[in-house]
Amino acid sequence: MEISKISAKGQTTIPSRIRKRAGLREGDTVTYEVRGDGLFLRKVEEQEDHYLKGISDSMDEWNSPEDMEAWNDL
């Protein structure tokens, strides 16, 4: 068992031993699930979408710094 504290911003550090054992690395995405009185954190496995990768080069009309700023808070 490992213990960590939650900050005022709701953040916590996953202890190194737990990260290594779960295969978690910087940039990974995780899910949270509450079950009864327990909280489960699970690594999201990346899945390749070949269709989206294939069309991504043709979809840059909405990929400008201005668009990113306009859509950032949605």
PDB file of N, CA and C in Angstrom:
ATOM      1  N   MET A   1       0.842  -1.173   0.000  1.00  0.00           N
ATOM      2  CA  MET A   1       0.000   0.000   0.000  1.00  0.00           C
ATOM      3  C   MET A   1       0.886   1.235   0.000  1.00  0.00           C
ATOM      4  N   GLU A   2       0.480   2.227  -0.765  1.00  0.00           N
ATOM      5  CA  GLU A   2       1.189   3.502  -0.833  1.00  0.00           C
ATOM      6  C   GLU A   2       0.213   4.608  -0.445  1.00  0.00           C
ATOM      7  N   ILE A   3       0.727   5.721   0.038  1.00  0.00           N
ATOM      8  CA  ILE A   3      -0.097   6.841   0.472  1.00  0.00           C
ATOM      9  C   ILE A   3       0.422   8.118  -0.157  1.00  0.00           C
ATOM     10  N   SER A   4      -0.502   8.981  -0.587  1.00  0.00           N
ATOM     11  CA  SER A   4      -0.134  10.323  -1.039  1.00  0.00           C
ATOM     12  C   SER A   4      -1.248  11.274  -0.645  1.00  0.00           C
ATOM     13  N   LYS A   5      -0.930  12.554  -0.584  1.00  0.00           N
ATOM     14  CA  LYS A   5      -1.913  13.561  -0.198  1.00  0.00           C
ATOM     15  C   LYS A   5      -2.464  14.261  -1.432  1.00  0.00           C
ATOM     16  N   ILE A   6      -3.660  14.810  -1.297  1.00  0.00           N
ATOM     17  CA  ILE A   6      -4.291  15.576  -2.364  1.00  0.00           C
ATOM     18  C   ILE A   6      -4.093  17.053  -2.057  1.00  0.00           C
ATOM     19  N   SER A   7      -3.649  17.801  -3.063  1.00  0.00           N
ATOM     20  CA  SER A   7      -3.398  19.234  -2.897  1.00  0.00           C
ATOM     21  C   SER A   7      -4.708  20.017  -2.899  1.00  0.00           C
ATOM     22  N   ALA A   8      -4.613  21.319  -2.627  1.00  0.00           N
ATOM     23  CA  ALA A   8      -5.781  22.199  -2.651  1.00  0.00           C
ATOM     24  C   ALA A   8      -6.419  22.238  -4.035  1.00  0.00           C
ATOM     25  N   LYS A   9      -5.647  21.957  -5.078  1.00  0.00           N
ATOM     26  CA  LYS A   9      -6.163  21.940  -6.444  1.00  0.00           C
ATOM     27  C   LYS A   9      -6.687  20.562  -6.841  1.00  0.00           C
ATOM     28  N   GLY A  10      -6.712  19.619  -5.909  1.00  0.00           N
ATOM     29  CA  GLY A  10      -7.219  18.276  -6.212  1.00  0.00           C
ATOM     30  C   GLY A  10      -6.192  17.390  -6.889  1.00  0.00           C
ATOM     31  N   GLN A  11      -4.933  17.762  -6.837  1.00  0.00           N
ATOM     32  CA  GLN A  11      -3.879  16.994  -7.490  1.00  0.00           C
ATOM     33  C   GLN A  11      -3.173  16.097  -6.489  1.00  0.00           C
ATOM     34  N   THR A  12      -2.640  14.998  -6.997  1.00  0.00           N
ATOM     35  CA  THR A  12      -1.851  14.098  -6.166  1.00  0.00           C
ATOM     36  C   THR A  12      -0.729  13.512  -7.018  1.00  0.00           C
ATOM     37  N   THR A  13       0.265  12.978  -6.379  1.00  0.00           N
ATOM     38  CA  THR A  13       1.359  12.304  -7.071  1.00  0.00           C
ATOM     39  C   THR A  13       1.180  10.807  -6.888  1.00  0.00           C
ATOM     40  N   ILE A  14       1.199  10.086  -7.991  1.00  0.00           N
ATOM     41  CA  ILE A  14       1.133   8.630  -7.912  1.00  0.00           C
ATOM     42  C   ILE A  14       2.538   8.162  -7.543  1.00  0.00           C
ATOM     43  N   PRO A  15       2.683   7.449  -6.442  1.00  0.00           N
ATOM     44  CA  PRO A  15       4.015   7.022  -6.017  1.00  0.00           C
ATOM     45  C   PRO A  15       4.751   6.239  -7.116  1.00  0.00           C
ATOM     46  N   SER A  16       6.053   6.405  -7.156  1.00  0.00           N
ATOM     47  CA  SER A  16       6.907   5.815  -8.181  1.00  0.00           C
ATOM     48  C   SER A  16       6.706   4.306  -8.313  1.00  0.00           C
ATOM     49  N   ARG A  17       6.658   3.598  -7.186  1.00  0.00           N
ATOM     50  CA  ARG A  17       6.483   2.143  -7.238  1.00  0.00           C
ATOM     51  C   ARG A  17       5.177   1.752  -7.910  1.00  0.00           C
ATOM     52  N   ILE A  18       4.116   2.524  -7.639  1.00  0.00           N
ATOM     53  CA  ILE A  18       2.813   2.248  -8.240  1.00  0.00           C
ATOM     54  C   ILE A  18       2.856   2.548  -9.734  1.00  0.00           C
ATOM     55  N   ARG A  19       3.475   3.683 -10.122  1.00  0.00           N
ATOM     56  CA  ARG A  19       3.583   4.030 -11.542  1.00  0.00           C
ATOM     57  C   ARG A  19       4.335   2.957 -12.311  1.00  0.00           C
ATOM     58  N   LYS A  20       5.433   2.493 -11.756  1.00  0.00           N
ATOM     59  CA  LYS A  20       6.228   1.461 -12.432  1.00  0.00           C
ATOM     60  C   LYS A  20       5.440   0.165 -12.570  1.00  0.00           C
ATOM     61  N   ARG A  21       4.783  -0.228 -11.502  1.00  0.00           N
ATOM     62  CA  ARG A  21       4.036  -1.487 -11.520  1.00  0.00           C
ATOM     63  C   ARG A  21       2.860  -1.435 -12.495  1.00  0.00           C
ATOM     64  N   ALA A  22       2.226  -0.251 -12.621  1.00  0.00           N
ATOM     65  CA  ALA A  22       1.077  -0.095 -13.520  1.00  0.00           C
ATOM     66  C   ALA A  22       1.500   0.267 -14.939  1.00  0.00           C
ATOM     67  N   GLY A  23       2.790   0.512 -15.137  1.00  0.00           N
ATOM     68  CA  GLY A  23       3.273   0.888 -16.461  1.00  0.00           C
ATOM     69  C   GLY A  23       2.862   2.291 -16.874  1.00  0.00           C
ATOM     70  N   LEU A  24       2.698   3.183 -15.892  1.00  0.00           N
ATOM     71  CA  LEU A  24       2.292   4.560 -16.168  1.00  0.00           C
ATOM     72  C   LEU A  24       3.511   5.437 -16.420  1.00  0.00           C
ATOM     73  N   ARG A  25       3.396   6.266 -17.445  1.00  0.00           N
ATOM     74  CA  ARG A  25       4.484   7.188 -17.791  1.00  0.00           C
ATOM     75  C   ARG A  25       3.919   8.565 -18.051  1.00  0.00           C
ATOM     76  N   GLU A  26       4.780   9.563 -18.048  1.00  0.00           N
ATOM     77  CA  GLU A  26       4.365  10.931 -18.332  1.00  0.00           C
ATOM     78  C   GLU A  26       3.607  10.986 -19.653  1.00  0.00           C
ATOM     79  N   GLY A  27       2.467  11.669 -19.650  1.00  0.00           N
ATOM     80  CA  GLY A  27       1.665  11.795 -20.861  1.00  0.00           C
ATOM     81  C   GLY A  27       0.596  10.738 -21.025  1.00  0.00           C
ATOM     82  N   ASP A  28       0.633   9.673 -20.206  1.00  0.00           N
ATOM     83  CA  ASP A  28      -0.396   8.638 -20.287  1.00  0.00           C
ATOM     84  C   ASP A  28      -1.751   9.203 -19.857  1.00  0.00           C
ATOM     85  N   THR A  29      -2.808   8.598 -20.359  1.00  0.00           N
ATOM     86  CA  THR A  29      -4.168   8.960 -19.976  1.00  0.00           C
ATOM     87  C   THR A  29      -4.703   7.872 -19.055  1.00  0.00           C
ATOM     88  N   VAL A  30      -5.414   8.303 -18.015  1.00  0.00           N
ATOM     89  CA  VAL A  30      -5.992   7.353 -17.064  1.00  0.00           C
ATOM     90  C   VAL A  30      -7.480   7.636 -16.895  1.00  0.00           C
ATOM     91  N   THR A  31      -8.217   6.623 -16.467  1.00  0.00           N
ATOM     92  CA  THR A  31      -9.628   6.787 -16.128  1.00  0.00           C
ATOM     93  C   THR A  31      -9.779   6.592 -14.627  1.00  0.00           C
ATOM     94  N   TYR A  32     -10.840   7.178 -14.093  1.00  0.00           N
ATOM     95  CA  TYR A  32     -11.170   7.033 -12.680  1.00  0.00           C
ATOM     96  C   TYR A  32     -12.562   6.439 -12.577  1.00  0.00           C
ATOM     97  N   GLU A  33     -12.736   5.514 -11.657  1.00  0.00           N
ATOM     98  CA  GLU A  33     -14.043   4.912 -11.435  1.00  0.00           C
ATOM     99  C   GLU A  33     -14.240   4.711  -9.943  1.00  0.00           C
ATOM    100  N   VAL A  34     -15.382   5.163  -9.448  1.00  0.00           N
ATOM    101  CA  VAL A  34     -15.719   4.969  -8.039  1.00  0.00           C
ATOM    102  C   VAL A  34     -16.596   3.732  -7.943  1.00  0.00           C
ATOM    103  N   ARG A  35     -16.184   2.795  -7.083  1.00  0.00           N
ATOM    104  CA  ARG A  35     -16.951   1.568  -6.819  1.00  0.00           C
ATOM    105  C   ARG A  35     -17.093   1.434  -5.316  1.00  0.00           C
ATOM    106  N   GLY A  36     -18.324   1.617  -4.866  1.00  0.00           N
ATOM    107  CA  GLY A  36     -18.538   1.549  -3.415  1.00  0.00           C
ATOM    108  C   GLY A  36     -17.700   2.602  -2.729  1.00  0.00           C
ATOM    109  N   ASP A  37     -16.848   2.168  -1.794  1.00  0.00           N
ATOM    110  CA  ASP A  37     -15.982   3.121  -1.108  1.00  0.00           C
ATOM    111  C   ASP A  37     -14.560   3.113  -1.682  1.00  0.00           C
ATOM    112  N   GLY A  38     -14.389   2.527  -2.877  1.00  0.00           N
ATOM    113  CA  GLY A  38     -13.068   2.465  -3.508  1.00  0.00           C
ATOM    114  C   GLY A  38     -12.981   3.324  -4.753  1.00  0.00           C
ATOM    115  N   LEU A  39     -11.787   3.718  -5.096  1.00  0.00           N
ATOM    116  CA  LEU A  39     -11.514   4.486  -6.300  1.00  0.00           C
ATOM    117  C   LEU A  39     -10.534   3.693  -7.141  1.00  0.00           C
ATOM    118  N   PHE A  40     -10.868   3.449  -8.399  1.00  0.00           N
ATOM    119  CA  PHE A  40     -10.020   2.674  -9.292  1.00  0.00           C
ATOM    120  C   PHE A  40      -9.467   3.583 -10.378  1.00  0.00           C
ATOM    121  N   LEU A  41      -8.174   3.554 -10.537  1.00  0.00           N
ATOM    122  CA  LEU A  41      -7.481   4.316 -11.568  1.00  0.00           C
ATOM    123  C   LEU A  41      -6.939   3.302 -12.563  1.00  0.00           C
ATOM    124  N   ARG A  42      -7.211   3.532 -13.854  1.00  0.00           N
ATOM    125  CA  ARG A  42      -6.790   2.567 -14.867  1.00  0.00           C
ATOM    126  C   ARG A  42      -6.165   3.299 -16.039  1.00  0.00           C
ATOM    127  N   LYS A  43      -5.073   2.756 -16.562  1.00  0.00           N
ATOM    128  CA  LYS A  43      -4.404   3.324 -17.727  1.00  0.00           C
ATOM    129  C   LYS A  43      -5.258   3.060 -18.963  1.00  0.00           C
ATOM    130  N   VAL A  44      -5.419   4.090 -19.795  1.00  0.00           N
ATOM    131  CA  VAL A  44      -6.149   3.954 -21.049  1.00  0.00           C
ATOM    132  C   VAL A  44      -5.146   3.532 -22.115  1.00  0.00           C
ATOM    133  N   GLU A  45      -5.408   2.396 -22.721  1.00  0.00           N
ATOM    134  CA  GLU A  45      -4.522   1.906 -23.770  1.00  0.00           C
ATOM    135  C   GLU A  45      -4.827   2.656 -25.064  1.00  0.00           C
ATOM    136  N   GLU A  46      -3.796   3.195 -25.680  1.00  0.00           N
ATOM    137  CA  GLU A  46      -3.948   3.928 -26.934  1.00  0.00           C
ATOM    138  C   GLU A  46      -4.342   2.952 -28.037  1.00  0.00           C
ATOM    139  N   GLN A  47      -5.310   3.344 -28.846  1.00  0.00           N
ATOM    140  CA  GLN A  47      -5.715   2.526 -29.975  1.00  0.00           C
ATOM    141  C   GLN A  47      -5.521   3.338 -31.245  1.00  0.00           C
ATOM    142  N   GLU A  48      -4.940   2.727 -32.231  1.00  0.00           N
ATOM    143  CA  GLU A  48      -4.718   3.408 -33.494  1.00  0.00           C
ATOM    144  C   GLU A  48      -5.993   3.391 -34.322  1.00  0.00           C
ATOM    145  N   ASP A  49      -6.338   4.517 -34.886  1.00  0.00           N
ATOM    146  CA  ASP A  49      -7.466   4.615 -35.796  1.00  0.00           C
ATOM    147  C   ASP A  49      -6.904   4.962 -37.168  1.00  0.00           C
ATOM    148  N   HIS A  50      -6.713   3.966 -37.996  1.00  0.00           N
ATOM    149  CA  HIS A  50      -6.071   4.158 -39.291  1.00  0.00           C
ATOM    150  C   HIS A  50      -6.863   5.101 -40.194  1.00  0.00           C
ATOM    151  N   TYR A  51      -8.188   5.061 -40.101  1.00  0.00           N
ATOM    152  CA  TYR A  51      -9.013   5.959 -40.913  1.00  0.00           C
ATOM    153  C   TYR A  51      -8.730   7.413 -40.541  1.00  0.00           C
ATOM    154  N   LEU A  52      -8.764   7.712 -39.240  1.00  0.00           N
ATOM    155  CA  LEU A  52      -8.513   9.095 -38.810  1.00  0.00           C
ATOM    156  C   LEU A  52      -7.103   9.545 -39.153  1.00  0.00           C
ATOM    157  N   LYS A  53      -6.132   8.664 -39.008  1.00  0.00           N
ATOM    158  CA  LYS A  53      -4.772   9.018 -39.396  1.00  0.00           C
ATOM    159  C   LYS A  53      -4.687   9.297 -40.883  1.00  0.00           C
ATOM    160  N   GLY A  54      -5.434   8.536 -41.680  1.00  0.00           N
ATOM    161  CA  GLY A  54      -5.399   8.698 -43.128  1.00  0.00           C
ATOM    162  C   GLY A  54      -5.981  10.013 -43.599  1.00  0.00           C
ATOM    163  N   ILE A  55      -7.012  10.516 -42.919  1.00  0.00           N
ATOM    164  CA  ILE A  55      -7.634  11.757 -43.363  1.00  0.00           C
ATOM    165  C   ILE A  55      -7.120  12.989 -42.623  1.00  0.00           C
ATOM    166  N   SER A  56      -6.296  12.810 -41.617  1.00  0.00           N
ATOM    167  CA  SER A  56      -5.867  13.939 -40.785  1.00  0.00           C
ATOM    168  C   SER A  56      -5.118  15.015 -41.573  1.00  0.00           C
ATOM    169  N   ASP A  57      -4.344  14.629 -42.585  1.00  0.00           N
ATOM    170  CA  ASP A  57      -3.608  15.620 -43.361  1.00  0.00           C
ATOM    171  C   ASP A  57      -4.520  16.522 -44.179  1.00  0.00           C
ATOM    172  N   SER A  58      -5.713  16.029 -44.507  1.00  0.00           N
ATOM    173  CA  SER A  58      -6.627  16.835 -45.322  1.00  0.00           C
ATOM    174  C   SER A  58      -7.567  17.680 -44.472  1.00  0.00           C
ATOM    175  N   MET A  59      -7.421  17.636 -43.166  1.00  0.00           N
ATOM    176  CA  MET A  59      -8.350  18.353 -42.292  1.00  0.00           C
ATOM    177  C   MET A  59      -7.654  19.463 -41.508  1.00  0.00           C
ATOM    178  N   ASP A  60      -6.818  20.233 -42.170  1.00  0.00           N
ATOM    179  CA  ASP A  60      -6.087  21.270 -41.453  1.00  0.00           C
ATOM    180  C   ASP A  60      -6.730  22.652 -41.540  1.00  0.00           C
ATOM    181  N   GLU A  61      -7.929  22.768 -42.140  1.00  0.00           N
ATOM    182  CA  GLU A  61      -8.557  24.071 -42.268  1.00  0.00           C
ATOM    183  C   GLU A  61      -8.937  24.663 -40.913  1.00  0.00           C
ATOM    184  N   TRP A  62      -9.104  23.831 -39.882  1.00  0.00           N
ATOM    185  CA  TRP A  62      -9.454  24.310 -38.546  1.00  0.00           C
ATOM    186  C   TRP A  62      -8.266  24.205 -37.594  1.00  0.00           C
ATOM    187  N   ASN A  63      -7.080  24.156 -38.129  1.00  0.00           N
ATOM    188  CA  ASN A  63      -5.898  23.906 -37.319  1.00  0.00           C
ATOM    189  C   ASN A  63      -4.965  25.112 -37.315  1.00  0.00           C
ATOM    190  N   SER A  64      -5.477  26.250 -36.902  1.00  0.00           N
ATOM    191  CA  SER A  64      -4.645  27.449 -36.815  1.00  0.00           C
ATOM    192  C   SER A  64      -4.595  27.889 -35.355  1.00  0.00           C
ATOM    193  N   PRO A  65      -3.604  28.710 -34.993  1.00  0.00           N
ATOM    194  CA  PRO A  65      -3.555  29.207 -33.610  1.00  0.00           C
ATOM    195  C   PRO A  65      -4.835  29.958 -33.214  1.00  0.00           C
ATOM    196  N   GLU A  66      -5.442  30.660 -34.173  1.00  0.00           N
ATOM    197  CA  GLU A  66      -6.680  31.383 -33.879  1.00  0.00           C
ATOM    198  C   GLU A  66      -7.825  30.423 -33.562  1.00  0.00           C
ATOM    199  N   ASP A  67      -7.908  29.340 -34.323  1.00  0.00           N
ATOM    200  CA  ASP A  67      -8.937  28.332 -34.066  1.00  0.00           C
ATOM    201  C   ASP A  67      -8.714  27.674 -32.710  1.00  0.00           C
ATOM    202  N   MET A  68      -7.477  27.347 -32.402  1.00  0.00           N
ATOM    203  CA  MET A  68      -7.173  26.716 -31.118  1.00  0.00           C
ATOM    204  C   MET A  68      -7.594  27.636 -29.969  1.00  0.00           C
ATOM    205  N   GLU A  69      -7.332  28.932 -30.097  1.00  0.00           N
ATOM    206  CA  GLU A  69      -7.706  29.878 -29.055  1.00  0.00           C
ATOM    207  C   GLU A  69      -9.230  29.980 -28.939  1.00  0.00           C
ATOM    208  N   ALA A  70      -9.920  30.031 -30.081  1.00  0.00           N
ATOM    209  CA  ALA A  70     -11.371  30.161 -30.070  1.00  0.00           C
ATOM    210  C   ALA A  70     -12.061  28.938 -29.467  1.00  0.00           C
ATOM    211  N   TRP A  71     -11.537  27.754 -29.703  1.00  0.00           N
ATOM    212  CA  TRP A  71     -12.177  26.519 -29.259  1.00  0.00           C
ATOM    213  C   TRP A  71     -11.583  25.978 -27.970  1.00  0.00           C
ATOM    214  N   ASN A  72     -10.593  26.642 -27.418  1.00  0.00           N
ATOM    215  CA  ASN A  72      -9.847  26.136 -26.260  1.00  0.00           C
ATOM    216  C   ASN A  72     -10.721  25.844 -25.041  1.00  0.00           C
ATOM    217  N   ASP A  73     -11.715  26.675 -24.768  1.00  0.00           N
ATOM    218  CA  ASP A  73     -12.511  26.514 -23.537  1.00  0.00           C
ATOM    219  C   ASP A  73     -13.771  25.672 -23.710  1.00  0.00           C
ATOM    220  N   LEU A  74     -13.961  25.068 -24.868  1.00  0.00           N
ATOM    221  CA  LEU A  74     -15.179  24.285 -25.080  1.00  0.00           C
ATOM    222  C   LEU A  74     -15.070  22.903 -24.516  1.00  0.00           C
TER     223      LEU A  74
END
